[in-house]
Structures are given as C-alpha cells and as structure tokens.
Amino acid sequence: MQVAIALFPRNTALDAIGPYEVLQRIPSIDVVFVGHRHGEVRSDNGMLGLTVDATFDEVTKPDVLVFPGGIGTRTLVGDSDVLDWIRDVHRNTVFTTSVCTGSLMLAAAGLLTGLTAATHWRATELLESFGALYTADRVVEHLPQRIITAAGVSSGIDMALRLVELLVGAEAAKASQLMIEYDPQPPFDAGAVEKASDATLQLALEYYGHRA
C-alpha cells in the first residue's frame, strides 16, 4: 500500500513527519514523499530540510494521500498543476487526507465543498472561502467521500493512527502508537484556542508575526 505525503517549500515539518512516523511502522505501508521536483525543500522557518523522492507526475495512483500544511500552502492554493494532481489522484485513493492547512489544498481542489473540515485555527476564514465548513474538531471524517482532515500540526498523529485502524485494523494502530510511545501528557493545557489565555494567544500571534 502506497502512501504519498506531499512536500513543498515552507511546509510545517511535523504535519508531514507525524503521520510518517505512524504509517511507516506498518510493514504493508510504503511511504513516498512527493513534490514538484526531486531534492530538498525547506520548512516554514527555513531551518529544516526534507527530501522529495518522487515528483507529482511520477506518483499517479497512491492508495492514500496526506497533504500537510504550512505557510507555503497560501501560495500553493493557486498552483493549478498541484490542484489538478490532487483531483486526479483522489479518483483512485482509498483515503485523501490533510493535516493543518493542508486542508486548504483539498478545499481549493474542490474536494471539501459543503463538507465540514479541520484546519489550523488561523486559517478558518480562508478554508471557508473555498467552500468548506470549518469545525474545531481535531479529526474530521467523511468516509463515504474518502476524506479525512486533521487540525493543527500535532493532530496529524491522531489522524494517522485512525488511518491505520481503517486500513489495517485497530491492533495495528495500537501497535504503531506503542512503537512511537505516543502517550501525550503535556505539562500545559493550552493546545486549543478555547483553552488558551488571552496572554498566551497574543504571544502566539506575536511569534507568528516573526515568521511571516
């Protein structure tokens, strides 16, 4: 089973690597990183490089598509070649999925029109401008449409575990969870806008401003 994870300049690394770490633990799953061209792309802050192993043209019928997010999606939503590729591969996927603002790509490709979807909290209005209906749920499933979207960054791990359950089985998903020792017990409870204080939210927005 082939899982294609898209890469592009200014991606958010954990959006791609979180699902990768879950999915690659399953022997029947092969993960390929796809992009415009072979070679390195840099993450949203430019500090980390990830490698594209195959071009979009070389991967035409993946069983699963995972489209991560990052500030680079704001440019990519206008890339007709990538949007056409998403539409084409979706015809044959078992599941088409996204993490964080990767849902903007699915929405821009017309796959989320009229559907509820998750994205990063800073991209809710942009997501809805493409015809999707934002929800704050961590993982949003539309199984008849073969679409799953996940919220910001770390939720991609949750989404990937659910994917393993759907593709292979619950025990396989639990085994992958155990292998990566995914047992989150964060020291703070500020991982969603509704849980964060005003001061925390303002500081987060300030930090985002430095990365623009």
N, C-alpha and C. Protein backbone atom coordinates (compact mmCIF):
# COMPACT_ATOMS: atom_id res chain seq x y z
N MET A 1 0.85 -1.19 0.00
CA MET A 1 0.00 0.00 0.00
C MET A 1 0.88 1.24 0.00
N GLN A 2 0.63 2.13 -0.94
CA GLN A 2 1.46 3.33 -1.07
C GLN A 2 0.76 4.55 -0.47
N VAL A 3 1.48 5.23 0.40
CA VAL A 3 1.02 6.49 0.96
C VAL A 3 1.91 7.60 0.43
N ALA A 4 1.32 8.59 -0.23
CA ALA A 4 2.06 9.73 -0.75
C ALA A 4 1.88 10.91 0.19
N ILE A 5 2.99 11.43 0.70
CA ILE A 5 2.97 12.61 1.55
C ILE A 5 3.57 13.75 0.74
N ALA A 6 2.80 14.81 0.53
CA ALA A 6 3.26 15.93 -0.28
C ALA A 6 4.24 16.80 0.50
N LEU A 7 5.24 17.31 -0.20
CA LEU A 7 6.18 18.27 0.37
C LEU A 7 6.26 19.48 -0.55
N PHE A 8 6.56 20.62 0.02
CA PHE A 8 6.62 21.86 -0.73
C PHE A 8 7.39 22.88 0.11
N PRO A 9 7.90 23.92 -0.49
CA PRO A 9 8.62 24.95 0.28
C PRO A 9 7.73 25.58 1.34
N ARG A 10 8.31 25.80 2.52
CA ARG A 10 7.64 26.41 3.66
C ARG A 10 6.52 25.52 4.20
N ASN A 11 6.80 24.21 4.22
CA ASN A 11 5.90 23.27 4.88
C ASN A 11 6.13 23.31 6.40
N THR A 12 5.14 22.83 7.15
CA THR A 12 5.32 22.62 8.58
C THR A 12 5.74 21.17 8.77
N ALA A 13 6.94 20.96 9.27
CA ALA A 13 7.56 19.64 9.23
C ALA A 13 6.75 18.56 9.95
N LEU A 14 6.24 18.86 11.13
CA LEU A 14 5.52 17.84 11.89
C LEU A 14 4.23 17.41 11.19
N ASP A 15 3.65 18.29 10.39
CA ASP A 15 2.46 17.92 9.62
C ASP A 15 2.73 16.70 8.75
N ALA A 16 3.95 16.63 8.21
CA ALA A 16 4.33 15.50 7.36
C ALA A 16 4.97 14.38 8.16
N ILE A 17 5.84 14.73 9.09
CA ILE A 17 6.62 13.72 9.79
C ILE A 17 5.80 12.99 10.85
N GLY A 18 4.82 13.67 11.46
CA GLY A 18 3.96 12.99 12.42
C GLY A 18 3.24 11.80 11.79
N PRO A 19 2.49 12.01 10.70
CA PRO A 19 1.87 10.87 10.02
C PRO A 19 2.88 9.85 9.50
N TYR A 20 4.01 10.33 8.99
CA TYR A 20 5.04 9.41 8.51
C TYR A 20 5.48 8.45 9.61
N GLU A 21 5.73 8.96 10.80
CA GLU A 21 6.22 8.11 11.89
C GLU A 21 5.20 7.05 12.28
N VAL A 22 3.91 7.39 12.18
CA VAL A 22 2.87 6.41 12.48
C VAL A 22 2.76 5.38 11.36
N LEU A 23 2.67 5.85 10.13
CA LEU A 23 2.37 4.99 8.99
C LEU A 23 3.52 4.07 8.61
N GLN A 24 4.75 4.58 8.71
CA GLN A 24 5.88 3.77 8.26
C GLN A 24 6.18 2.59 9.19
N ARG A 25 5.53 2.54 10.34
CA ARG A 25 5.73 1.42 11.26
C ARG A 25 5.01 0.16 10.77
N ILE A 26 4.07 0.31 9.85
CA ILE A 26 3.25 -0.80 9.39
C ILE A 26 3.92 -1.44 8.18
N PRO A 27 4.28 -2.74 8.25
CA PRO A 27 5.05 -3.37 7.15
C PRO A 27 4.38 -3.30 5.79
N SER A 28 3.06 -3.28 5.75
CA SER A 28 2.36 -3.28 4.46
C SER A 28 2.24 -1.89 3.84
N ILE A 29 2.74 -0.87 4.52
CA ILE A 29 2.63 0.51 4.03
C ILE A 29 3.99 1.03 3.59
N ASP A 30 4.05 1.54 2.37
CA ASP A 30 5.24 2.22 1.85
C ASP A 30 4.93 3.71 1.72
N VAL A 31 5.78 4.54 2.27
CA VAL A 31 5.58 5.98 2.23
C VAL A 31 6.52 6.60 1.21
N VAL A 32 5.99 7.47 0.38
CA VAL A 32 6.81 8.21 -0.58
C VAL A 32 6.52 9.69 -0.40
N PHE A 33 7.57 10.50 -0.39
CA PHE A 33 7.43 11.95 -0.29
C PHE A 33 7.45 12.53 -1.70
N VAL A 34 6.38 13.26 -2.06
CA VAL A 34 6.22 13.76 -3.42
C VAL A 34 6.23 15.28 -3.42
N GLY A 35 6.65 15.85 -4.56
CA GLY A 35 6.68 17.29 -4.70
C GLY A 35 6.89 17.69 -6.14
N HIS A 36 7.14 18.96 -6.37
CA HIS A 36 7.32 19.47 -7.72
C HIS A 36 8.54 18.86 -8.40
N ARG A 37 9.61 18.71 -7.61
CA ARG A 37 10.86 18.18 -8.18
C ARG A 37 11.63 17.45 -7.10
N HIS A 38 12.51 16.56 -7.53
CA HIS A 38 13.34 15.82 -6.59
C HIS A 38 14.25 16.78 -5.80
N GLY A 39 14.55 16.40 -4.57
CA GLY A 39 15.50 17.17 -3.79
C GLY A 39 14.88 17.82 -2.58
N GLU A 40 15.65 18.68 -1.97
CA GLU A 40 15.29 19.26 -0.68
C GLU A 40 14.32 20.41 -0.80
N VAL A 41 13.37 20.45 0.13
CA VAL A 41 12.55 21.65 0.35
C VAL A 41 12.72 22.03 1.82
N ARG A 42 12.64 23.31 2.08
CA ARG A 42 12.86 23.79 3.44
C ARG A 42 11.54 24.03 4.14
N SER A 43 11.54 23.86 5.45
CA SER A 43 10.34 24.03 6.26
C SER A 43 9.97 25.50 6.36
N ASP A 44 8.84 25.77 7.04
CA ASP A 44 8.30 27.12 7.05
C ASP A 44 9.23 28.16 7.66
N ASN A 45 10.09 27.76 8.57
CA ASN A 45 11.05 28.72 9.13
C ASN A 45 12.41 28.63 8.47
N GLY A 46 12.57 27.74 7.49
CA GLY A 46 13.81 27.60 6.76
C GLY A 46 14.89 26.82 7.47
N MET A 47 14.62 26.35 8.69
CA MET A 47 15.65 25.70 9.49
C MET A 47 15.83 24.22 9.16
N LEU A 48 14.80 23.59 8.59
CA LEU A 48 14.83 22.15 8.39
C LEU A 48 14.57 21.82 6.93
N GLY A 49 15.36 20.90 6.39
CA GLY A 49 15.16 20.45 5.03
C GLY A 49 14.60 19.04 4.99
N LEU A 50 13.61 18.81 4.14
CA LEU A 50 13.04 17.50 3.90
C LEU A 50 13.22 17.17 2.42
N THR A 51 13.30 15.89 2.09
CA THR A 51 13.66 15.48 0.74
C THR A 51 12.49 14.90 -0.02
N VAL A 52 12.24 15.46 -1.20
CA VAL A 52 11.25 14.93 -2.13
C VAL A 52 11.90 13.79 -2.91
N ASP A 53 11.27 12.61 -2.86
CA ASP A 53 11.82 11.43 -3.53
C ASP A 53 11.18 11.16 -4.88
N ALA A 54 10.00 11.72 -5.13
CA ALA A 54 9.31 11.49 -6.40
C ALA A 54 8.51 12.74 -6.74
N THR A 55 8.38 13.02 -8.03
CA THR A 55 7.59 14.17 -8.46
C THR A 55 6.11 13.80 -8.48
N PHE A 56 5.28 14.83 -8.51
CA PHE A 56 3.85 14.58 -8.61
C PHE A 56 3.53 13.73 -9.84
N ASP A 57 4.20 14.00 -10.95
CA ASP A 57 3.93 13.25 -12.17
C ASP A 57 4.31 11.78 -12.05
N GLU A 58 5.23 11.48 -11.15
CA GLU A 58 5.70 10.09 -11.00
C GLU A 58 4.81 9.26 -10.07
N VAL A 59 3.96 9.92 -9.31
CA VAL A 59 3.08 9.21 -8.38
C VAL A 59 1.65 9.52 -8.79
N THR A 60 1.03 8.60 -9.49
CA THR A 60 -0.27 8.87 -10.09
C THR A 60 -1.44 8.15 -9.42
N LYS A 61 -1.16 7.06 -8.70
CA LYS A 61 -2.25 6.31 -8.09
C LYS A 61 -1.89 5.83 -6.68
N PRO A 62 -1.57 6.77 -5.78
CA PRO A 62 -1.31 6.35 -4.40
C PRO A 62 -2.60 5.86 -3.75
N ASP A 63 -2.45 4.93 -2.83
CA ASP A 63 -3.63 4.45 -2.10
C ASP A 63 -4.13 5.49 -1.12
N VAL A 64 -3.19 6.27 -0.58
CA VAL A 64 -3.54 7.31 0.38
C VAL A 64 -2.73 8.56 0.06
N LEU A 65 -3.38 9.70 0.12
CA LEU A 65 -2.70 10.98 0.01
C LEU A 65 -2.76 11.69 1.35
N VAL A 66 -1.61 12.16 1.81
CA VAL A 66 -1.54 13.01 3.00
C VAL A 66 -0.98 14.36 2.56
N PHE A 67 -1.78 15.41 2.68
CA PHE A 67 -1.29 16.74 2.32
C PHE A 67 -1.09 17.55 3.59
N PRO A 68 0.16 17.80 3.96
CA PRO A 68 0.45 18.59 5.16
C PRO A 68 0.25 20.08 4.90
N GLY A 69 0.37 20.85 5.97
CA GLY A 69 0.19 22.28 5.85
C GLY A 69 1.49 23.05 6.01
N GLY A 70 1.35 24.30 6.31
CA GLY A 70 2.47 25.22 6.40
C GLY A 70 2.12 26.49 5.66
N ILE A 71 2.86 27.55 5.92
CA ILE A 71 2.56 28.83 5.29
C ILE A 71 2.67 28.74 3.77
N GLY A 72 3.43 27.75 3.29
CA GLY A 72 3.58 27.57 1.85
C GLY A 72 2.29 27.22 1.14
N THR A 73 1.30 26.73 1.86
CA THR A 73 0.02 26.42 1.22
C THR A 73 -0.66 27.67 0.71
N ARG A 74 -0.36 28.82 1.31
CA ARG A 74 -1.02 30.06 0.88
C ARG A 74 -0.66 30.38 -0.57
N THR A 75 0.54 29.99 -1.01
CA THR A 75 0.93 30.14 -2.41
C THR A 75 0.43 28.97 -3.24
N LEU A 76 0.51 27.79 -2.67
CA LEU A 76 0.20 26.56 -3.40
C LEU A 76 -1.27 26.47 -3.80
N VAL A 77 -2.16 27.13 -3.07
CA VAL A 77 -3.59 27.06 -3.43
C VAL A 77 -3.86 27.65 -4.81
N GLY A 78 -2.90 28.41 -5.34
CA GLY A 78 -3.05 28.96 -6.68
C GLY A 78 -2.30 28.18 -7.74
N ASP A 79 -1.72 27.04 -7.37
CA ASP A 79 -0.94 26.22 -8.30
C ASP A 79 -1.86 25.22 -8.98
N SER A 80 -2.25 25.50 -10.20
CA SER A 80 -3.22 24.66 -10.90
C SER A 80 -2.69 23.25 -11.14
N ASP A 81 -1.38 23.10 -11.33
CA ASP A 81 -0.82 21.77 -11.55
C ASP A 81 -1.00 20.89 -10.33
N VAL A 82 -0.74 21.43 -9.15
CA VAL A 82 -0.90 20.65 -7.92
C VAL A 82 -2.37 20.36 -7.66
N LEU A 83 -3.24 21.33 -7.87
CA LEU A 83 -4.66 21.11 -7.66
C LEU A 83 -5.20 20.04 -8.61
N ASP A 84 -4.74 20.08 -9.87
CA ASP A 84 -5.15 19.04 -10.83
C ASP A 84 -4.67 17.67 -10.37
N TRP A 85 -3.46 17.61 -9.84
CA TRP A 85 -2.91 16.34 -9.36
C TRP A 85 -3.73 15.81 -8.20
N ILE A 86 -4.11 16.68 -7.27
CA ILE A 86 -4.94 16.25 -6.14
C ILE A 86 -6.25 15.66 -6.66
N ARG A 87 -6.89 16.35 -7.59
CA ARG A 87 -8.15 15.85 -8.13
C ARG A 87 -7.95 14.50 -8.82
N ASP A 88 -6.88 14.38 -9.57
CA ASP A 88 -6.63 13.14 -10.31
C ASP A 88 -6.39 11.97 -9.38
N VAL A 89 -5.52 12.15 -8.38
CA VAL A 89 -5.20 11.01 -7.51
C VAL A 89 -6.37 10.66 -6.61
N HIS A 90 -7.20 11.67 -6.28
CA HIS A 90 -8.34 11.40 -5.41
C HIS A 90 -9.32 10.41 -6.05
N ARG A 91 -9.35 10.37 -7.35
CA ARG A 91 -10.26 9.43 -8.04
C ARG A 91 -9.98 7.98 -7.66
N ASN A 92 -8.74 7.69 -7.28
CA ASN A 92 -8.34 6.30 -7.02
C ASN A 92 -7.89 6.03 -5.59
N THR A 93 -7.82 7.06 -4.76
CA THR A 93 -7.33 6.83 -3.40
C THR A 93 -8.35 6.06 -2.57
N VAL A 94 -7.83 5.34 -1.59
CA VAL A 94 -8.70 4.78 -0.56
C VAL A 94 -9.12 5.91 0.38
N PHE A 95 -8.14 6.77 0.73
CA PHE A 95 -8.42 7.95 1.52
C PHE A 95 -7.55 9.10 1.05
N THR A 96 -8.13 10.29 1.01
CA THR A 96 -7.41 11.53 0.75
C THR A 96 -7.48 12.34 2.03
N THR A 97 -6.32 12.73 2.56
CA THR A 97 -6.28 13.33 3.89
C THR A 97 -5.42 14.59 3.90
N SER A 98 -5.60 15.35 4.97
CA SER A 98 -4.78 16.55 5.14
C SER A 98 -4.49 16.76 6.61
N VAL A 99 -3.46 17.55 6.85
CA VAL A 99 -3.09 17.96 8.21
C VAL A 99 -2.95 19.48 8.20
N CYS A 100 -3.51 20.13 9.21
CA CYS A 100 -3.36 21.57 9.38
C CYS A 100 -3.88 22.29 8.13
N THR A 101 -3.12 23.23 7.58
CA THR A 101 -3.59 23.98 6.42
C THR A 101 -3.47 23.19 5.12
N GLY A 102 -3.09 21.95 5.20
CA GLY A 102 -3.19 21.09 4.02
C GLY A 102 -4.63 20.99 3.54
N SER A 103 -5.59 21.18 4.45
CA SER A 103 -6.99 21.15 4.04
C SER A 103 -7.33 22.28 3.07
N LEU A 104 -6.56 23.36 3.10
CA LEU A 104 -6.77 24.42 2.11
C LEU A 104 -6.57 23.89 0.70
N MET A 105 -5.62 22.97 0.55
CA MET A 105 -5.36 22.40 -0.77
C MET A 105 -6.51 21.51 -1.22
N LEU A 106 -7.03 20.69 -0.31
CA LEU A 106 -8.17 19.85 -0.67
C LEU A 106 -9.38 20.73 -1.00
N ALA A 107 -9.56 21.79 -0.22
CA ALA A 107 -10.69 22.69 -0.46
C ALA A 107 -10.54 23.43 -1.78
N ALA A 108 -9.34 23.93 -2.06
CA ALA A 108 -9.10 24.65 -3.31
C ALA A 108 -9.27 23.74 -4.52
N ALA A 109 -9.04 22.44 -4.32
CA ALA A 109 -9.23 21.47 -5.39
C ALA A 109 -10.69 21.07 -5.55
N GLY A 110 -11.56 21.58 -4.68
CA GLY A 110 -12.98 21.31 -4.78
C GLY A 110 -13.45 20.07 -4.06
N LEU A 111 -12.58 19.47 -3.25
CA LEU A 111 -12.94 18.21 -2.60
C LEU A 111 -13.73 18.40 -1.31
N LEU A 112 -13.73 19.61 -0.76
CA LEU A 112 -14.37 19.84 0.53
C LEU A 112 -15.62 20.71 0.44
N THR A 113 -16.06 21.00 -0.76
CA THR A 113 -17.21 21.89 -0.92
C THR A 113 -18.43 21.34 -0.19
N GLY A 114 -18.94 22.13 0.75
CA GLY A 114 -20.11 21.74 1.51
C GLY A 114 -19.85 20.76 2.63
N LEU A 115 -18.58 20.38 2.84
CA LEU A 115 -18.23 19.42 3.89
C LEU A 115 -17.59 20.15 5.07
N THR A 116 -17.81 19.61 6.27
CA THR A 116 -17.06 20.10 7.42
C THR A 116 -15.62 19.65 7.29
N ALA A 117 -14.71 20.45 7.82
CA ALA A 117 -13.29 20.14 7.70
C ALA A 117 -12.53 20.82 8.83
N ALA A 118 -11.38 20.26 9.15
CA ALA A 118 -10.48 20.82 10.15
C ALA A 118 -9.32 21.53 9.47
N THR A 119 -8.76 22.48 10.17
CA THR A 119 -7.55 23.16 9.72
C THR A 119 -6.95 23.85 10.93
N HIS A 120 -5.84 24.54 10.73
CA HIS A 120 -5.27 25.33 11.82
C HIS A 120 -6.19 26.50 12.13
N TRP A 121 -6.26 26.88 13.39
CA TRP A 121 -7.21 27.91 13.82
C TRP A 121 -6.99 29.25 13.14
N ARG A 122 -5.78 29.50 12.64
CA ARG A 122 -5.53 30.78 11.97
C ARG A 122 -6.02 30.80 10.52
N ALA A 123 -6.45 29.66 10.00
CA ALA A 123 -6.82 29.56 8.59
C ALA A 123 -8.30 29.29 8.38
N THR A 124 -9.10 29.50 9.40
CA THR A 124 -10.51 29.13 9.30
C THR A 124 -11.25 29.91 8.21
N GLU A 125 -11.04 31.21 8.14
CA GLU A 125 -11.75 32.02 7.15
C GLU A 125 -11.31 31.66 5.74
N LEU A 126 -10.01 31.42 5.57
CA LEU A 126 -9.52 31.06 4.24
C LEU A 126 -10.09 29.72 3.81
N LEU A 127 -10.15 28.77 4.74
CA LEU A 127 -10.74 27.46 4.42
C LEU A 127 -12.17 27.63 3.95
N GLU A 128 -12.95 28.42 4.67
CA GLU A 128 -14.35 28.59 4.31
C GLU A 128 -14.53 29.37 3.01
N SER A 129 -13.53 30.18 2.64
CA SER A 129 -13.62 30.90 1.37
C SER A 129 -13.57 29.95 0.18
N PHE A 130 -13.07 28.73 0.41
CA PHE A 130 -13.02 27.72 -0.65
C PHE A 130 -14.22 26.77 -0.59
N GLY A 131 -15.19 27.08 0.24
CA GLY A 131 -16.43 26.31 0.24
C GLY A 131 -16.55 25.24 1.29
N ALA A 132 -15.54 25.08 2.13
CA ALA A 132 -15.62 24.11 3.22
C ALA A 132 -16.27 24.75 4.45
N LEU A 133 -16.66 23.93 5.39
CA LEU A 133 -17.28 24.40 6.63
C LEU A 133 -16.35 24.05 7.79
N TYR A 134 -15.73 25.06 8.37
CA TYR A 134 -14.75 24.82 9.43
C TYR A 134 -15.40 24.24 10.67
N THR A 135 -14.72 23.27 11.28
CA THR A 135 -15.09 22.78 12.59
C THR A 135 -13.83 22.66 13.43
N ALA A 136 -13.97 22.89 14.72
CA ALA A 136 -12.82 22.86 15.62
C ALA A 136 -12.44 21.44 16.06
N ASP A 137 -13.12 20.44 15.55
CA ASP A 137 -12.77 19.06 15.90
C ASP A 137 -11.34 18.75 15.47
N ARG A 138 -10.70 17.87 16.23
CA ARG A 138 -9.30 17.54 15.97
C ARG A 138 -9.13 16.71 14.69
N VAL A 139 -10.02 15.78 14.46
CA VAL A 139 -10.01 14.97 13.24
C VAL A 139 -11.44 14.90 12.72
N VAL A 140 -11.62 15.17 11.44
CA VAL A 140 -12.95 15.19 10.82
C VAL A 140 -12.98 14.16 9.69
N GLU A 141 -13.92 13.23 9.77
CA GLU A 141 -14.02 12.15 8.80
C GLU A 141 -15.26 12.30 7.92
N HIS A 142 -15.08 12.05 6.64
CA HIS A 142 -16.18 11.88 5.70
C HIS A 142 -15.87 10.61 4.93
N LEU A 143 -16.17 9.48 5.54
CA LEU A 143 -15.75 8.20 4.98
C LEU A 143 -16.43 7.89 3.65
N PRO A 144 -17.70 8.22 3.44
CA PRO A 144 -18.27 7.96 2.11
C PRO A 144 -17.54 8.72 1.00
N GLN A 145 -17.03 9.91 1.33
CA GLN A 145 -16.26 10.71 0.36
C GLN A 145 -14.77 10.37 0.38
N ARG A 146 -14.36 9.49 1.31
CA ARG A 146 -12.98 9.03 1.44
C ARG A 146 -12.04 10.17 1.82
N ILE A 147 -12.52 11.07 2.66
CA ILE A 147 -11.75 12.25 3.04
C ILE A 147 -11.66 12.34 4.55
N ILE A 148 -10.44 12.63 5.04
CA ILE A 148 -10.21 12.88 6.46
C ILE A 148 -9.32 14.11 6.58
N THR A 149 -9.72 15.06 7.40
CA THR A 149 -8.90 16.24 7.64
C THR A 149 -8.56 16.33 9.12
N ALA A 150 -7.37 16.83 9.40
CA ALA A 150 -6.92 16.98 10.78
C ALA A 150 -6.59 18.44 11.04
N ALA A 151 -6.71 18.84 12.29
CA ALA A 151 -6.47 20.23 12.68
C ALA A 151 -4.96 20.52 12.71
N GLY A 152 -4.55 21.46 13.55
CA GLY A 152 -3.18 21.93 13.51
C GLY A 152 -2.12 20.93 13.92
N VAL A 153 -1.13 20.77 13.10
CA VAL A 153 0.17 20.16 13.35
C VAL A 153 0.12 18.81 14.06
N SER A 154 0.05 18.79 15.39
CA SER A 154 0.17 17.54 16.13
C SER A 154 -1.02 16.61 15.90
N SER A 155 -2.14 17.14 15.46
CA SER A 155 -3.32 16.30 15.22
C SER A 155 -3.10 15.32 14.08
N GLY A 156 -2.08 15.56 13.27
CA GLY A 156 -1.75 14.62 12.20
C GLY A 156 -1.39 13.24 12.73
N ILE A 157 -0.86 13.18 13.94
CA ILE A 157 -0.55 11.89 14.55
C ILE A 157 -1.83 11.14 14.85
N ASP A 158 -2.81 11.84 15.42
CA ASP A 158 -4.11 11.23 15.70
C ASP A 158 -4.76 10.75 14.41
N MET A 159 -4.72 11.59 13.39
CA MET A 159 -5.32 11.23 12.11
C MET A 159 -4.66 9.99 11.52
N ALA A 160 -3.34 9.92 11.60
CA ALA A 160 -2.62 8.77 11.04
C ALA A 160 -2.94 7.49 11.79
N LEU A 161 -3.09 7.57 13.08
CA LEU A 161 -3.50 6.38 13.85
C LEU A 161 -4.87 5.90 13.42
N ARG A 162 -5.79 6.82 13.20
CA ARG A 162 -7.10 6.46 12.70
C ARG A 162 -7.00 5.84 11.30
N LEU A 163 -6.13 6.38 10.48
CA LEU A 163 -5.91 5.82 9.14
C LEU A 163 -5.45 4.37 9.23
N VAL A 164 -4.51 4.10 10.11
CA VAL A 164 -4.03 2.73 10.27
C VAL A 164 -5.17 1.82 10.70
N GLU A 165 -6.01 2.29 11.61
CA GLU A 165 -7.16 1.49 12.03
C GLU A 165 -8.06 1.17 10.84
N LEU A 166 -8.33 2.17 10.01
CA LEU A 166 -9.21 1.96 8.87
C LEU A 166 -8.58 1.07 7.81
N LEU A 167 -7.29 1.21 7.60
CA LEU A 167 -6.61 0.48 6.53
C LEU A 167 -6.19 -0.93 6.93
N VAL A 168 -5.79 -1.09 8.18
CA VAL A 168 -5.22 -2.37 8.62
C VAL A 168 -6.01 -2.97 9.79
N GLY A 169 -6.29 -2.16 10.80
CA GLY A 169 -7.02 -2.66 11.95
C GLY A 169 -6.62 -1.94 13.22
N ALA A 170 -7.47 -2.06 14.23
CA ALA A 170 -7.25 -1.36 15.49
C ALA A 170 -5.98 -1.82 16.18
N GLU A 171 -5.70 -3.12 16.16
CA GLU A 171 -4.50 -3.60 16.84
C GLU A 171 -3.23 -3.07 16.18
N ALA A 172 -3.25 -2.97 14.85
CA ALA A 172 -2.11 -2.39 14.15
C ALA A 172 -1.91 -0.94 14.55
N ALA A 173 -3.01 -0.20 14.68
CA ALA A 173 -2.92 1.19 15.09
C ALA A 173 -2.36 1.30 16.51
N LYS A 174 -2.81 0.43 17.39
CA LYS A 174 -2.31 0.43 18.76
C LYS A 174 -0.83 0.06 18.81
N ALA A 175 -0.43 -0.88 17.95
CA ALA A 175 0.98 -1.27 17.91
C ALA A 175 1.85 -0.11 17.45
N SER A 176 1.38 0.62 16.44
CA SER A 176 2.13 1.79 15.98
C SER A 176 2.20 2.84 17.07
N GLN A 177 1.09 3.05 17.76
CA GLN A 177 1.07 4.01 18.87
C GLN A 177 2.09 3.63 19.93
N LEU A 178 2.16 2.35 20.22
CA LEU A 178 3.11 1.90 21.23
C LEU A 178 4.54 2.06 20.74
N MET A 179 4.77 1.76 19.46
CA MET A 179 6.13 1.85 18.91
C MET A 179 6.68 3.28 18.97
N ILE A 180 5.81 4.26 18.76
CA ILE A 180 6.28 5.65 18.85
C ILE A 180 6.07 6.21 20.26
N GLU A 181 5.56 5.35 21.15
CA GLU A 181 5.30 5.73 22.55
C GLU A 181 4.52 7.05 22.61
N TYR A 182 3.44 7.06 21.85
CA TYR A 182 2.58 8.24 21.79
C TYR A 182 1.59 8.18 22.95
N ASP A 183 1.94 8.81 24.03
CA ASP A 183 1.14 8.80 25.25
C ASP A 183 1.17 10.22 25.81
N PRO A 184 0.55 11.17 25.09
CA PRO A 184 0.74 12.59 25.43
C PRO A 184 0.24 12.96 26.81
N GLN A 185 1.10 13.61 27.54
CA GLN A 185 0.77 14.13 28.87
C GLN A 185 1.44 15.50 29.00
N PRO A 186 0.96 16.48 28.23
CA PRO A 186 1.65 17.78 28.19
C PRO A 186 1.63 18.49 29.54
N PRO A 187 2.66 19.27 29.81
CA PRO A 187 2.73 19.98 31.09
C PRO A 187 1.78 21.17 31.16
N PHE A 188 1.19 21.55 30.02
CA PHE A 188 0.26 22.67 29.98
C PHE A 188 -0.99 22.24 29.22
N ASP A 189 -2.07 22.97 29.42
CA ASP A 189 -3.33 22.68 28.73
C ASP A 189 -3.73 23.91 27.95
N ALA A 190 -2.91 24.27 26.97
CA ALA A 190 -3.15 25.46 26.15
C ALA A 190 -3.08 25.12 24.67
N GLY A 191 -3.46 23.89 24.33
CA GLY A 191 -3.29 23.44 22.95
C GLY A 191 -4.44 23.74 22.02
N ALA A 192 -5.42 24.49 22.47
CA ALA A 192 -6.53 24.92 21.63
C ALA A 192 -6.89 26.34 22.02
N VAL A 193 -7.41 27.09 21.05
CA VAL A 193 -7.70 28.50 21.29
C VAL A 193 -8.62 28.68 22.49
N GLU A 194 -9.63 27.82 22.59
CA GLU A 194 -10.59 27.98 23.68
C GLU A 194 -9.99 27.64 25.04
N LYS A 195 -8.82 27.01 25.06
CA LYS A 195 -8.17 26.68 26.33
C LYS A 195 -7.09 27.70 26.71
N ALA A 196 -6.64 28.46 25.75
CA ALA A 196 -5.52 29.38 25.98
C ALA A 196 -6.00 30.69 26.59
N SER A 197 -5.18 31.29 27.42
CA SER A 197 -5.50 32.61 27.98
C SER A 197 -5.28 33.65 26.89
N ASP A 198 -5.80 34.84 27.11
CA ASP A 198 -5.60 35.93 26.16
C ASP A 198 -4.11 36.24 26.00
N ALA A 199 -3.36 36.18 27.09
CA ALA A 199 -1.93 36.47 27.03
C ALA A 199 -1.21 35.43 26.18
N THR A 200 -1.59 34.17 26.34
CA THR A 200 -0.97 33.10 25.55
C THR A 200 -1.30 33.28 24.08
N LEU A 201 -2.54 33.58 23.76
CA LEU A 201 -2.95 33.78 22.38
C LEU A 201 -2.21 34.94 21.75
N GLN A 202 -2.09 36.05 22.47
CA GLN A 202 -1.40 37.21 21.92
C GLN A 202 0.08 36.92 21.68
N LEU A 203 0.69 36.17 22.59
CA LEU A 203 2.10 35.83 22.40
C LEU A 203 2.28 34.91 21.20
N ALA A 204 1.37 33.96 21.03
CA ALA A 204 1.44 33.08 19.87
C ALA A 204 1.32 33.88 18.58
N LEU A 205 0.41 34.82 18.53
CA LEU A 205 0.24 35.65 17.34
C LEU A 205 1.48 36.51 17.09
N GLU A 206 2.09 36.98 18.18
CA GLU A 206 3.34 37.74 18.05
C GLU A 206 4.43 36.87 17.44
N TYR A 207 4.54 35.65 17.90
CA TYR A 207 5.56 34.74 17.36
C TYR A 207 5.29 34.45 15.88
N TYR A 208 4.02 34.28 15.53
CA TYR A 208 3.69 34.06 14.12
C TYR A 208 4.13 35.24 13.28
N GLY A 209 3.99 36.44 13.82
CA GLY A 209 4.40 37.63 13.09
C GLY A 209 5.86 37.64 12.73
N HIS A 210 6.69 37.04 13.56
CA HIS A 210 8.13 36.98 13.29
C HIS A 210 8.46 35.98 12.18
N ARG A 211 7.52 35.07 11.88
CA ARG A 211 7.78 34.04 10.88
C ARG A 211 7.20 34.37 9.52
N ALA A 212 6.47 35.47 9.44
CA ALA A 212 5.78 35.80 8.18
C ALA A 212 6.78 36.08 7.07
